């Protein structure tokens, strides 16, 4: 069942949200940069508030995700990530929250997410993930992920990364397949998950 939502018909220049959510709407995906961009585009189209877990982690750590992981390690990052998710889920009004690619690896994070919010997965296959990571340019030649700073030279390097995350995403029923879709089409598909007429949501 999708997130109950009320849509508003406002004047063009009225600074008002076009929708109001009963519960937070969480976006998950294999490529965090992509999930973040689409979350902000969805927010721009609907007027809903938006937060990003990784960027909030960076704010609290006062450094980039890459530097935080390199300096403090993955465990410190995961602990702060879980704290940030719990804090964002307590926030009101309900909004769009873009997750990091590994946020749902934690059983407790999965429990919180599924019990307190509605989730949608931006779905890709292994080959697409490999191609997307090859395109990354985080000012670190060859690096493709904060937890994998080595040069990306083979799809086998992504295989385990992909499989572990795919298992954690199994709790998500609503999925948007990114294959063959433009960003605009993906945002339209996400909006359809919010609309009361989509069959997966009810009006309030």
C-alpha atoms as a PDB file:
ATOM      1  CA  UNK A   1       0.000   0.000   0.000  1.00  0.00           C
ATOM      2  CA  UNK A   2       1.403   3.366  -0.985  1.00  0.00           C
ATOM      3  CA  UNK A   3       1.690   6.463   1.174  1.00  0.00           C
ATOM      4  CA  UNK A   4      -1.672   8.195   1.797  1.00  0.00           C
ATOM      5  CA  UNK A   5      -1.385  11.605   0.191  1.00  0.00           C
ATOM      6  CA  UNK A   6      -3.500  14.697  -0.388  1.00  0.00           C
ATOM      7  CA  UNK A   7      -2.881  16.740  -3.530  1.00  0.00           C
ATOM      8  CA  UNK A   8      -3.490  20.498  -3.585  1.00  0.00           C
ATOM      9  CA  UNK A   9      -4.342  22.738  -6.536  1.00  0.00           C
ATOM     10  CA  UNK A  10      -2.604  26.000  -5.682  1.00  0.00           C
ATOM     11  CA  UNK A  11      -1.816  29.126  -7.642  1.00  0.00           C
ATOM     12  CA  UNK A  12       1.367  29.035  -9.698  1.00  0.00           C
ATOM     13  CA  UNK A  13       3.330  31.331  -7.382  1.00  0.00           C
ATOM     14  CA  UNK A  14       1.917  30.093  -4.081  1.00  0.00           C
ATOM     15  CA  UNK A  15       4.706  28.745  -1.910  1.00  0.00           C
ATOM     16  CA  UNK A  16       2.822  25.639  -0.849  1.00  0.00           C
ATOM     17  CA  UNK A  17       3.444  21.911  -1.201  1.00  0.00           C
ATOM     18  CA  UNK A  18       1.390  20.175  -3.859  1.00  0.00           C
ATOM     19  CA  UNK A  19       1.037  17.106  -1.677  1.00  0.00           C
ATOM     20  CA  UNK A  20       1.082  16.061   1.948  1.00  0.00           C
ATOM     21  CA  UNK A  21       2.233  12.624   3.056  1.00  0.00           C
ATOM     22  CA  UNK A  22       0.955  10.602   5.970  1.00  0.00           C
ATOM     23  CA  UNK A  23       4.336   8.827   6.234  1.00  0.00           C
ATOM     24  CA  UNK A  24       7.826   9.565   4.977  1.00  0.00           C
ATOM     25  CA  UNK A  25       8.570   8.331   1.454  1.00  0.00           C
ATOM     26  CA  UNK A  26      12.004   6.672   1.288  1.00  0.00           C
ATOM     27  CA  UNK A  27      13.965   6.248  -1.929  1.00  0.00           C
ATOM     28  CA  UNK A  28      16.526   3.446  -2.082  1.00  0.00           C
ATOM     29  CA  UNK A  29      18.928   2.567  -4.874  1.00  0.00           C
ATOM     30  CA  UNK A  30      22.278   1.060  -5.749  1.00  0.00           C
ATOM     31  CA  UNK A  31      23.904   4.367  -6.744  1.00  0.00           C
ATOM     32  CA  UNK A  32      23.492   6.943  -3.973  1.00  0.00           C
ATOM     33  CA  UNK A  33      24.268   9.956  -6.185  1.00  0.00           C
ATOM     34  CA  UNK A  34      21.471   8.934  -8.544  1.00  0.00           C
ATOM     35  CA  UNK A  35      19.011   8.318  -5.701  1.00  0.00           C
ATOM     36  CA  UNK A  36      19.829  11.755  -4.295  1.00  0.00           C
ATOM     37  CA  UNK A  37      19.292  13.565  -7.601  1.00  0.00           C
ATOM     38  CA  UNK A  38      15.979  11.823  -8.248  1.00  0.00           C
ATOM     39  CA  UNK A  39      14.823  12.531  -4.692  1.00  0.00           C
ATOM     40  CA  UNK A  40      15.430  16.239  -5.191  1.00  0.00           C
ATOM     41  CA  UNK A  41      13.728  16.177  -8.582  1.00  0.00           C
ATOM     42  CA  UNK A  42      10.702  14.455  -7.064  1.00  0.00           C
ATOM     43  CA  UNK A  43      10.618  17.083  -4.319  1.00  0.00           C
ATOM     44  CA  UNK A  44      10.829  19.877  -6.888  1.00  0.00           C
ATOM     45  CA  UNK A  45       7.852  18.447  -8.780  1.00  0.00           C
ATOM     46  CA  UNK A  46       5.672  17.909  -5.692  1.00  0.00           C
ATOM     47  CA  UNK A  47       6.754  20.657  -3.307  1.00  0.00           C
ATOM     48  CA  UNK A  48       7.429  18.067  -0.629  1.00  0.00           C
ATOM     49  CA  UNK A  49      10.365  18.434   1.715  1.00  0.00           C
ATOM     50  CA  UNK A  50      13.421  16.309   1.009  1.00  0.00           C
ATOM     51  CA  UNK A  51      16.397  15.027   3.006  1.00  0.00           C
ATOM     52  CA  UNK A  52      19.384  12.907   2.046  1.00  0.00           C
ATOM     53  CA  UNK A  53      20.934  10.491   4.525  1.00  0.00           C
ATOM     54  CA  UNK A  54      24.501  10.665   3.179  1.00  0.00           C
ATOM     55  CA  UNK A  55      24.527  14.472   2.968  1.00  0.00           C
ATOM     56  CA  UNK A  56      23.139  14.706   6.510  1.00  0.00           C
ATOM     57  CA  UNK A  57      25.887  12.353   7.678  1.00  0.00           C
ATOM     58  CA  UNK A  58      28.447  14.650   6.042  1.00  0.00           C
ATOM     59  CA  UNK A  59      26.893  17.639   7.790  1.00  0.00           C
ATOM     60  CA  UNK A  60      27.167  16.015  11.226  1.00  0.00           C
ATOM     61  CA  UNK A  61      30.668  14.662  10.518  1.00  0.00           C
ATOM     62  CA  UNK A  62      31.804  18.051   9.138  1.00  0.00           C
ATOM     63  CA  UNK A  63      33.572  16.319   6.255  1.00  0.00           C
ATOM     64  CA  UNK A  64      32.876  14.473   3.039  1.00  0.00           C
ATOM     65  CA  UNK A  65      31.680  10.881   3.138  1.00  0.00           C
ATOM     66  CA  UNK A  66      34.896   9.795   1.419  1.00  0.00           C
ATOM     67  CA  UNK A  67      37.097  11.477   4.050  1.00  0.00           C
ATOM     68  CA  UNK A  68      34.908  10.311   6.940  1.00  0.00           C
ATOM     69  CA  UNK A  69      35.145   6.655   5.910  1.00  0.00           C
ATOM     70  CA  UNK A  70      38.874   6.927   5.177  1.00  0.00           C
ATOM     71  CA  UNK A  71      39.588   8.545   8.566  1.00  0.00           C
ATOM     72  CA  UNK A  72      37.086   6.959  10.950  1.00  0.00           C
ATOM     73  CA  UNK A  73      36.224   3.702   9.215  1.00  0.00           C
ATOM     74  CA  UNK A  74      33.048   2.032   8.027  1.00  0.00           C
ATOM     75  CA  UNK A  75      31.741   1.198  11.509  1.00  0.00           C
ATOM     76  CA  UNK A  76      31.708   4.860  12.570  1.00  0.00           C
ATOM     77  CA  UNK A  77      29.982   5.748   9.326  1.00  0.00           C
ATOM     78  CA  UNK A  78      27.301   3.064   9.795  1.00  0.00           C
ATOM     79  CA  UNK A  79      26.640   4.161  13.380  1.00  0.00           C
ATOM     80  CA  UNK A  80      26.155   7.796  12.369  1.00  0.00           C
ATOM     81  CA  UNK A  81      24.099   6.723   9.342  1.00  0.00           C
ATOM     82  CA  UNK A  82      21.681   4.829  11.616  1.00  0.00           C
ATOM     83  CA  UNK A  83      21.417   7.798  14.000  1.00  0.00           C
ATOM     84  CA  UNK A  84      20.674  10.117  11.083  1.00  0.00           C
ATOM     85  CA  UNK A  85      17.993   7.818   9.653  1.00  0.00           C
ATOM     86  CA  UNK A  86      16.228   7.526  13.018  1.00  0.00           C
ATOM     87  CA  UNK A  87      16.326  11.315  13.454  1.00  0.00           C
ATOM     88  CA  UNK A  88      14.970  11.979   9.961  1.00  0.00           C
ATOM     89  CA  UNK A  89      12.136   9.491  10.474  1.00  0.00           C
ATOM     90  CA  UNK A  90      11.098  11.379  13.618  1.00  0.00           C
ATOM     91  CA  UNK A  91      10.912  14.633  11.672  1.00  0.00           C
ATOM     92  CA  UNK A  92       7.607  16.224  10.691  1.00  0.00           C
ATOM     93  CA  UNK A  93       5.953  16.930   8.355  1.00  0.00           C
ATOM     94  CA  UNK A  94       6.549  13.707   6.449  1.00  0.00           C
ATOM     95  CA  UNK A  95       8.858  14.142   3.494  1.00  0.00           C
ATOM     96  CA  UNK A  96      11.000  12.422   0.884  1.00  0.00           C
ATOM     97  CA  UNK A  97      14.181  10.826   2.262  1.00  0.00           C
ATOM     98  CA  UNK A  98      16.920   9.568  -0.061  1.00  0.00           C
ATOM     99  CA  UNK A  99      18.819   6.659   1.489  1.00  0.00           C
ATOM    100  CA  UNK A 100      22.452   5.736   1.056  1.00  0.00           C
ATOM    101  CA  UNK A 101      23.038   2.587  -0.976  1.00  0.00           C
ATOM    102  CA  UNK A 102      23.853   0.645   2.207  1.00  0.00           C
ATOM    103  CA  UNK A 103      21.428   2.241   4.686  1.00  0.00           C
ATOM    104  CA  UNK A 104      19.149  -0.806   4.653  1.00  0.00           C
ATOM    105  CA  UNK A 105      21.974  -3.285   5.267  1.00  0.00           C
ATOM    106  CA  UNK A 106      21.286  -2.841   8.987  1.00  0.00           C
ATOM    107  CA  UNK A 107      18.378  -5.018  10.255  1.00  0.00           C
ATOM    108  CA  UNK A 108      17.389  -2.235  12.659  1.00  0.00           C
ATOM    109  CA  UNK A 109      17.345   0.328   9.844  1.00  0.00           C
ATOM    110  CA  UNK A 110      15.162  -2.007   7.775  1.00  0.00           C
ATOM    111  CA  UNK A 111      12.804  -2.406  10.722  1.00  0.00           C
ATOM    112  CA  UNK A 112      12.533   1.344  11.251  1.00  0.00           C
ATOM    113  CA  UNK A 113      12.120   2.051   7.545  1.00  0.00           C
ATOM    114  CA  UNK A 114       9.390  -0.511   6.943  1.00  0.00           C
ATOM    115  CA  UNK A 115       7.465   0.274  10.132  1.00  0.00           C
ATOM    116  CA  UNK A 116       7.611   4.070   9.965  1.00  0.00           C
ATOM    117  CA  UNK A 117       7.758   4.912   6.258  1.00  0.00           C
ATOM    118  CA  UNK A 118       6.915   3.827   2.729  1.00  0.00           C
ATOM    119  CA  UNK A 119       9.761   2.720   0.453  1.00  0.00           C
ATOM    120  CA  UNK A 120      10.434   2.705  -3.263  1.00  0.00           C
ATOM    121  CA  UNK A 121      13.434   1.152  -4.992  1.00  0.00           C
ATOM    122  CA  UNK A 122      15.167   2.688  -8.001  1.00  0.00           C
ATOM    123  CA  UNK A 123      16.019  -0.644  -9.565  1.00  0.00           C
ATOM    124  CA  UNK A 124      19.007  -1.477 -11.750  1.00  0.00           C
ATOM    125  CA  UNK A 125      20.711  -4.704 -12.759  1.00  0.00           C
ATOM    126  CA  UNK A 126      24.353  -5.593 -12.110  1.00  0.00           C
ATOM    127  CA  UNK A 127      25.594  -4.495 -15.536  1.00  0.00           C
ATOM    128  CA  UNK A 128      23.932  -1.095 -15.228  1.00  0.00           C
ATOM    129  CA  UNK A 129      25.412  -0.577 -11.773  1.00  0.00           C
ATOM    130  CA  UNK A 130      28.870  -1.382 -13.089  1.00  0.00           C
ATOM    131  CA  UNK A 131      28.426   1.100 -15.926  1.00  0.00           C
ATOM    132  CA  UNK A 132      27.159   3.828 -13.564  1.00  0.00           C
ATOM    133  CA  UNK A 133      30.084   3.392 -11.194  1.00  0.00           C
ATOM    134  CA  UNK A 134      32.493   3.620 -14.136  1.00  0.00           C
ATOM    135  CA  UNK A 135      31.115   7.088 -14.870  1.00  0.00           C
ATOM    136  CA  UNK A 136      31.850   8.445 -11.395  1.00  0.00           C
ATOM    137  CA  UNK A 137      34.353  11.276 -11.037  1.00  0.00           C
ATOM    138  CA  UNK A 138      34.573  12.096  -7.307  1.00  0.00           C
ATOM    139  CA  UNK A 139      37.906  13.904  -7.762  1.00  0.00           C
ATOM    140  CA  UNK A 140      39.561  10.581  -6.958  1.00  0.00           C
ATOM    141  CA  UNK A 141      40.943   8.952 -10.095  1.00  0.00           C
ATOM    142  CA  UNK A 142      39.703   5.396 -10.352  1.00  0.00           C
ATOM    143  CA  UNK A 143      37.770   5.382  -7.066  1.00  0.00           C
ATOM    144  CA  UNK A 144      34.166   4.252  -7.413  1.00  0.00           C
ATOM    145  CA  UNK A 145      32.725   4.143  -3.892  1.00  0.00           C
ATOM    146  CA  UNK A 146      33.712   5.467  -0.426  1.00  0.00           C
ATOM    147  CA  UNK A 147      34.006   1.880   0.823  1.00  0.00           C
ATOM    148  CA  UNK A 148      35.880   0.748  -2.306  1.00  0.00           C
ATOM    149  CA  UNK A 149      38.579   3.316  -3.121  1.00  0.00           C
ATOM    150  CA  UNK A 150      40.423   0.951  -5.466  1.00  0.00           C
ATOM    151  CA  UNK A 151      40.257   1.448  -9.259  1.00  0.00           C
ATOM    152  CA  UNK A 152      37.254  -0.228 -10.884  1.00  0.00           C
ATOM    153  CA  UNK A 153      38.536  -2.539 -13.603  1.00  0.00           C
ATOM    154  CA  UNK A 154      36.145  -5.504 -13.535  1.00  0.00           C
ATOM    155  CA  UNK A 155      32.433  -6.134 -13.023  1.00  0.00           C
ATOM    156  CA  UNK A 156      33.440  -8.799 -10.487  1.00  0.00           C
ATOM    157  CA  UNK A 157      34.357  -5.977  -8.085  1.00  0.00           C
ATOM    158  CA  UNK A 158      30.729  -4.833  -8.105  1.00  0.00           C
ATOM    159  CA  UNK A 159      29.175  -8.300  -7.953  1.00  0.00           C
ATOM    160  CA  UNK A 160      29.319  -8.764  -4.168  1.00  0.00           C
ATOM    161  CA  UNK A 161      28.410  -5.110  -3.538  1.00  0.00           C
ATOM    162  CA  UNK A 162      25.324  -5.557  -5.730  1.00  0.00           C
ATOM    163  CA  UNK A 163      24.243  -8.917  -4.294  1.00  0.00           C
ATOM    164  CA  UNK A 164      24.403  -7.783  -0.670  1.00  0.00           C
ATOM    165  CA  UNK A 165      22.346  -4.670  -1.378  1.00  0.00           C
ATOM    166  CA  UNK A 166      19.849  -6.562  -3.501  1.00  0.00           C
ATOM    167  CA  UNK A 167      19.158  -8.817  -0.550  1.00  0.00           C
ATOM    168  CA  UNK A 168      18.585  -5.824   1.757  1.00  0.00           C
ATOM    169  CA  UNK A 169      16.211  -4.310  -0.826  1.00  0.00           C
ATOM    170  CA  UNK A 170      14.011  -7.418  -0.754  1.00  0.00           C
ATOM    171  CA  UNK A 171      11.822  -5.707   1.874  1.00  0.00           C
ATOM    172  CA  UNK A 172      10.746  -3.125  -0.746  1.00  0.00           C
ATOM    173  CA  UNK A 173       7.614  -3.905  -2.743  1.00  0.00           C
ATOM    174  CA  UNK A 174       7.351  -0.718  -4.823  1.00  0.00           C
ATOM    175  CA  UNK A 175      10.026  -0.574  -7.510  1.00  0.00           C
ATOM    176  CA  UNK A 176      10.759   1.666 -10.466  1.00  0.00           C
ATOM    177  CA  UNK A 177      12.851  -0.035 -13.160  1.00  0.00           C
ATOM    178  CA  UNK A 178      15.345   2.516 -14.486  1.00  0.00           C
ATOM    179  CA  UNK A 179      16.148   0.564 -17.646  1.00  0.00           C
ATOM    180  CA  UNK A 180      15.250   2.514 -20.770  1.00  0.00           C
ATOM    181  CA  UNK A 181      13.716   5.412 -18.819  1.00  0.00           C
ATOM    182  CA  UNK A 182      14.763   9.047 -18.810  1.00  0.00           C
ATOM    183  CA  UNK A 183      15.040  10.874 -15.491  1.00  0.00           C
ATOM    184  CA  UNK A 184      11.777  12.661 -16.278  1.00  0.00           C
ATOM    185  CA  UNK A 185      10.029   9.332 -16.856  1.00  0.00           C
ATOM    186  CA  UNK A 186      11.405   7.968 -13.590  1.00  0.00           C
ATOM    187  CA  UNK A 187      10.107  10.985 -11.668  1.00  0.00           C
ATOM    188  CA  UNK A 188       6.705  10.549 -13.325  1.00  0.00           C
ATOM    189  CA  UNK A 189       6.693   6.908 -12.207  1.00  0.00           C
ATOM    190  CA  UNK A 190       7.528   7.947  -8.643  1.00  0.00           C
ATOM    191  CA  UNK A 191       4.760  10.550  -8.655  1.00  0.00           C
ATOM    192  CA  UNK A 192       2.363   7.812  -9.755  1.00  0.00           C
ATOM    193  CA  UNK A 193       3.268   5.913  -6.575  1.00  0.00           C
ATOM    194  CA  UNK A 194       2.154   8.937  -4.555  1.00  0.00           C
ATOM    195  CA  UNK A 195      -1.117   9.659  -6.338  1.00  0.00           C
ATOM    196  CA  UNK A 196      -4.345   8.432  -4.716  1.00  0.00           C
ATOM    197  CA  UNK A 197      -5.547   7.235  -8.137  1.00  0.00           C
ATOM    198  CA  UNK A 198      -2.556   4.938  -8.616  1.00  0.00           C
ATOM    199  CA  UNK A 199      -4.276   2.145  -6.729  1.00  0.00           C
ATOM    200  CA  UNK A 200      -1.484   1.907  -4.185  1.00  0.00           C
ATOM    201  CA  UNK A 201      -2.494   4.909  -2.094  1.00  0.00           C
ATOM    202  CA  UNK A 202      -5.623   6.323  -0.534  1.00  0.00           C
ATOM    203  CA  UNK A 203      -6.784   9.895  -0.224  1.00  0.00           C
ATOM    204  CA  UNK A 204      -6.903  11.497   3.207  1.00  0.00           C
END
